[in-house]
């Protein structure tokens, strides 16, 4: 499994929260037409928490 696949799987697992769905975030993600849309901002913290660059995890500052 590639690094990207593992990261995406981890994010999906966090959204589904072991059966206790984060329905609000999932609904916003479904209606978002890009990662820059207003609805997608609900998932940004989760993305930044799980995506790393060459210097380590990204963060929102």
C-alpha atoms as a PDB file:
ATOM      1  CA  UNK A   1       0.000   0.000   0.000  1.00  0.00           C
ATOM      2  CA  UNK A   2       1.413   3.390  -0.982  1.00  0.00           C
ATOM      3  CA  UNK A   3       1.939   6.292   1.393  1.00  0.00           C
ATOM      4  CA  UNK A   4      -0.946   8.169  -0.255  1.00  0.00           C
ATOM      5  CA  UNK A   5      -3.282   5.194   0.087  1.00  0.00           C
ATOM      6  CA  UNK A   6      -2.403   4.809   3.765  1.00  0.00           C
ATOM      7  CA  UNK A   7      -2.992   8.512   4.405  1.00  0.00           C
ATOM      8  CA  UNK A   8      -6.364   8.508   2.618  1.00  0.00           C
ATOM      9  CA  UNK A   9      -7.416   5.369   4.504  1.00  0.00           C
ATOM     10  CA  UNK A  10      -6.449   7.020   7.798  1.00  0.00           C
ATOM     11  CA  UNK A  11      -8.497  10.147   6.993  1.00  0.00           C
ATOM     12  CA  UNK A  12     -11.527   8.077   5.970  1.00  0.00           C
ATOM     13  CA  UNK A  13     -11.223   6.029   9.165  1.00  0.00           C
ATOM     14  CA  UNK A  14     -11.163   9.228  11.236  1.00  0.00           C
ATOM     15  CA  UNK A  15     -14.256  10.576   9.442  1.00  0.00           C
ATOM     16  CA  UNK A  16     -16.115   7.346  10.110  1.00  0.00           C
ATOM     17  CA  UNK A  17     -14.876   7.344  13.726  1.00  0.00           C
ATOM     18  CA  UNK A  18     -15.400   3.606  14.345  1.00  0.00           C
ATOM     19  CA  UNK A  19     -19.091   3.754  13.422  1.00  0.00           C
ATOM     20  CA  UNK A  20     -19.814   7.082  15.147  1.00  0.00           C
ATOM     21  CA  UNK A  21     -19.980   9.062  11.907  1.00  0.00           C
ATOM     22  CA  UNK A  22     -19.021  12.719  11.752  1.00  0.00           C
ATOM     23  CA  UNK A  23     -22.113  13.360   9.635  1.00  0.00           C
ATOM     24  CA  UNK A  24     -21.706  17.134   9.481  1.00  0.00           C
ATOM     25  CA  UNK A  25     -18.182  16.968   8.084  1.00  0.00           C
ATOM     26  CA  UNK A  26     -19.092  14.157   5.685  1.00  0.00           C
ATOM     27  CA  UNK A  27     -22.072  16.159   4.381  1.00  0.00           C
ATOM     28  CA  UNK A  28     -19.926  19.255   3.826  1.00  0.00           C
ATOM     29  CA  UNK A  29     -17.301  17.166   2.062  1.00  0.00           C
ATOM     30  CA  UNK A  30     -19.935  15.657  -0.248  1.00  0.00           C
ATOM     31  CA  UNK A  31     -21.194  19.095  -1.279  1.00  0.00           C
ATOM     32  CA  UNK A  32     -17.724  20.581  -1.786  1.00  0.00           C
ATOM     33  CA  UNK A  33     -16.677  20.895  -5.409  1.00  0.00           C
ATOM     34  CA  UNK A  34     -13.008  21.469  -4.551  1.00  0.00           C
ATOM     35  CA  UNK A  35     -10.698  21.556  -1.536  1.00  0.00           C
ATOM     36  CA  UNK A  36     -10.784  25.349  -1.727  1.00  0.00           C
ATOM     37  CA  UNK A  37     -14.570  25.639  -1.465  1.00  0.00           C
ATOM     38  CA  UNK A  38     -16.175  26.931   1.719  1.00  0.00           C
ATOM     39  CA  UNK A  39     -17.690  23.520   2.499  1.00  0.00           C
ATOM     40  CA  UNK A  40     -14.313  21.811   2.269  1.00  0.00           C
ATOM     41  CA  UNK A  41     -12.829  23.987   5.003  1.00  0.00           C
ATOM     42  CA  UNK A  42     -14.518  21.706   7.551  1.00  0.00           C
ATOM     43  CA  UNK A  43     -12.052  18.959   6.649  1.00  0.00           C
ATOM     44  CA  UNK A  44      -8.898  21.106   6.451  1.00  0.00           C
ATOM     45  CA  UNK A  45      -7.795  20.409  10.048  1.00  0.00           C
ATOM     46  CA  UNK A  46      -8.086  16.676   9.415  1.00  0.00           C
ATOM     47  CA  UNK A  47      -6.141  16.945   6.155  1.00  0.00           C
ATOM     48  CA  UNK A  48      -3.359  19.028   7.649  1.00  0.00           C
ATOM     49  CA  UNK A  49      -3.102  16.667  10.613  1.00  0.00           C
ATOM     50  CA  UNK A  50      -2.529  13.692   8.316  1.00  0.00           C
ATOM     51  CA  UNK A  51      -0.548  15.105   5.396  1.00  0.00           C
ATOM     52  CA  UNK A  52       3.185  15.490   5.736  1.00  0.00           C
ATOM     53  CA  UNK A  53       5.754  17.263   3.636  1.00  0.00           C
ATOM     54  CA  UNK A  54       9.501  16.701   3.685  1.00  0.00           C
ATOM     55  CA  UNK A  55       9.738  18.617   6.978  1.00  0.00           C
ATOM     56  CA  UNK A  56       7.044  16.642   8.814  1.00  0.00           C
ATOM     57  CA  UNK A  57       3.329  17.157   9.486  1.00  0.00           C
ATOM     58  CA  UNK A  58       1.683  20.289   8.150  1.00  0.00           C
ATOM     59  CA  UNK A  59      -0.117  22.606  10.550  1.00  0.00           C
ATOM     60  CA  UNK A  60      -2.543  25.492  10.432  1.00  0.00           C
ATOM     61  CA  UNK A  61      -1.010  28.620  11.923  1.00  0.00           C
END
